C-alpha atoms as a PDB file:
ATOM      1  CA  MET A   1      86.081  50.286 118.654  1.00  0.00           C
ATOM      2  CA  VAL A   2      87.702  53.605 119.544  1.00  0.00           C
ATOM      3  CA  THR A   3      91.136  51.992 119.269  1.00  0.00           C
ATOM      4  CA  VAL A   4      90.356  50.799 115.757  1.00  0.00           C
ATOM      5  CA  LEU A   5      89.189  54.285 114.723  1.00  0.00           C
ATOM      6  CA  LEU A   6      92.300  55.887 116.216  1.00  0.00           C
ATOM      7  CA  ALA A   7      94.535  53.396 114.432  1.00  0.00           C
ATOM      8  CA  PHE A   8      92.789  54.146 111.127  1.00  0.00           C
ATOM      9  CA  ALA A   9      93.127  57.906 111.709  1.00  0.00           C
ATOM     10  CA  GLU A  10      96.836  57.513 112.442  1.00  0.00           C
ATOM     11  CA  PHE A  11      97.276  55.414 109.300  1.00  0.00           C
ATOM     12  CA  GLU A  12      95.450  58.014 107.188  1.00  0.00           C
ATOM     13  CA  ARG A  13      97.596  60.786 108.648  1.00  0.00           C
ATOM     14  CA  SER A  14     100.794  58.944 107.784  1.00  0.00           C
ATOM     15  CA  MET A  15      99.494  58.383 104.227  1.00  0.00           C
ATOM     16  CA  ILE A  16      98.807  62.124 103.853  1.00  0.00           C
ATOM     17  CA  ILE A  17     102.347  62.940 105.006  1.00  0.00           C
ATOM     18  CA  GLU A  18     103.804  60.378 102.616  1.00  0.00           C
ATOM     19  CA  ARG A  19     101.855  61.754  99.644  1.00  0.00           C
ATOM     20  CA  THR A  20     102.792  65.331 100.552  1.00  0.00           C
ATOM     21  CA  GLN A  21     106.496  64.485 100.731  1.00  0.00           C
ATOM     22  CA  ALA A  22     106.297  62.670  97.405  1.00  0.00           C
ATOM     23  CA  GLY A  23     104.645  65.724  95.838  1.00  0.00           C
ATOM     24  CA  LYS A  24     107.346  68.015  97.213  1.00  0.00           C
ATOM     25  CA  ALA A  25     110.068  65.733  95.847  1.00  0.00           C
ATOM     26  CA  ILE A  26     108.489  65.851  92.386  1.00  0.00           C
ATOM     27  CA  ALA A  27     108.106  69.636  92.554  1.00  0.00           C
ATOM     28  CA  LYS A  28     111.782  70.081  93.492  1.00  0.00           C
ATOM     29  CA  THR A  29     112.854  68.343  90.284  1.00  0.00           C
ATOM     30  CA  LYS A  30     110.945  70.847  88.126  1.00  0.00           C
ATOM     31  CA  GLU A  31     112.562  74.008  86.832  1.00  0.00           C
ATOM     32  CA  GLY A  32     111.693  77.227  88.637  1.00  0.00           C
ATOM     33  CA  PHE A  33     110.899  75.590  91.981  1.00  0.00           C
ATOM     34  CA  LYS A  34     111.222  77.910  94.964  1.00  0.00           C
ATOM     35  CA  ASP A  35     110.983  76.548  98.466  1.00  0.00           C
ATOM     36  CA  GLY A  36     108.899  78.472 100.988  1.00  0.00           C
ATOM     37  CA  ARG A  37     106.392  81.252 100.767  1.00  0.00           C
ATOM     38  CA  PRO A  38     106.849  83.867  98.024  1.00  0.00           C
ATOM     39  CA  ALA A  39     107.734  87.397  99.132  1.00  0.00           C
ATOM     40  CA  LYS A  40     104.784  89.779  99.234  1.00  0.00           C
ATOM     41  CA  TYR A  41     106.837  92.895  98.511  1.00  0.00           C
ATOM     42  CA  ASN A  42     109.729  93.214  96.091  1.00  0.00           C
ATOM     43  CA  GLU A  43     113.055  94.920  96.771  1.00  0.00           C
ATOM     44  CA  HIS A  44     112.006  98.137  95.000  1.00  0.00           C
ATOM     45  CA  GLN A  45     108.902  98.559  97.175  1.00  0.00           C
ATOM     46  CA  LEU A  46     110.852  98.002 100.377  1.00  0.00           C
ATOM     47  CA  LYS A  47     113.624 100.416  99.393  1.00  0.00           C
ATOM     48  CA  TYR A  48     110.987 103.045  98.555  1.00  0.00           C
ATOM     49  CA  ALA A  49     109.457 102.542 102.003  1.00  0.00           C
ATOM     50  CA  MET A  50     112.887 102.941 103.626  1.00  0.00           C
ATOM     51  CA  LYS A  51     113.318 106.249 101.772  1.00  0.00           C
ATOM     52  CA  LEU A  52     109.939 107.382 103.102  1.00  0.00           C
ATOM     53  CA  LEU A  53     110.999 106.478 106.647  1.00  0.00           C
ATOM     54  CA  GLU A  54     113.665 109.166 106.515  1.00  0.00           C
ATOM     55  CA  ASP A  55     110.964 111.871 106.602  1.00  0.00           C
ATOM     56  CA  HIS A  56     107.908 110.046 107.980  1.00  0.00           C
ATOM     57  CA  SER A  57     106.960 107.822 110.902  1.00  0.00           C
ATOM     58  CA  TYR A  58     106.362 104.086 110.651  1.00  0.00           C
ATOM     59  CA  THR A  59     102.605 104.630 110.918  1.00  0.00           C
ATOM     60  CA  GLU A  60     102.587 107.159 108.078  1.00  0.00           C
ATOM     61  CA  VAL A  61     104.707 104.930 105.840  1.00  0.00           C
ATOM     62  CA  GLU A  62     102.451 101.987 106.669  1.00  0.00           C
ATOM     63  CA  ARG A  63      99.426 104.011 105.556  1.00  0.00           C
ATOM     64  CA  MET A  64     101.141 105.210 102.366  1.00  0.00           C
ATOM     65  CA  THR A  65     102.575 101.873 101.231  1.00  0.00           C
ATOM     66  CA  THR A  66     100.335  99.275 102.965  1.00  0.00           C
ATOM     67  CA  ILE A  67     103.514  97.555 104.171  1.00  0.00           C
ATOM     68  CA  SER A  68     103.127  96.609 107.833  1.00  0.00           C
ATOM     69  CA  LYS A  69     105.249  98.179 110.534  1.00  0.00           C
ATOM     70  CA  SER A  70     106.712  94.805 111.508  1.00  0.00           C
ATOM     71  CA  THR A  71     107.810  94.166 107.915  1.00  0.00           C
ATOM     72  CA  LEU A  72     109.442  97.592 107.755  1.00  0.00           C
ATOM     73  CA  ILE A  73     111.277  97.024 111.033  1.00  0.00           C
ATOM     74  CA  ARG A  74     112.408  93.535 109.953  1.00  0.00           C
ATOM     75  CA  TYR A  75     113.701  94.814 106.602  1.00  0.00           C
ATOM     76  CA  LYS A  76     115.496  97.738 108.242  1.00  0.00           C
ATOM     77  CA  ARG A  77     117.171  95.346 110.718  1.00  0.00           C
ATOM     78  CA  GLN A  78     118.239  93.044 107.857  1.00  0.00           C
ATOM     79  CA  GLN A  79     119.760  95.960 105.972  1.00  0.00           C
ATOM     80  CA  ALA A  80     121.716  97.029 109.055  1.00  0.00           C
ATOM     81  CA  GLU A  81     123.202  93.526 109.382  1.00  0.00           C
ATOM     82  CA  VAL A  82     124.397  93.462 105.759  1.00  0.00           C
END
């Protein structure tokens, strides 16, 4: 009986994956589709935070802008690479 339930669960899981992939394929054909998670902060906000970092610490900038320290560090590293 357990084998039958496991087989049904596996079948249901594969159906969910199939439906999800079909939905993604349909969404990709529509105009304005963007893959992945949308950015929480725009370029202007991040540049403003970088300006603040010139005179303030990461903790102070984090408090002022509500942008996390890890996001600030990641953005600063990306800007150094470019």
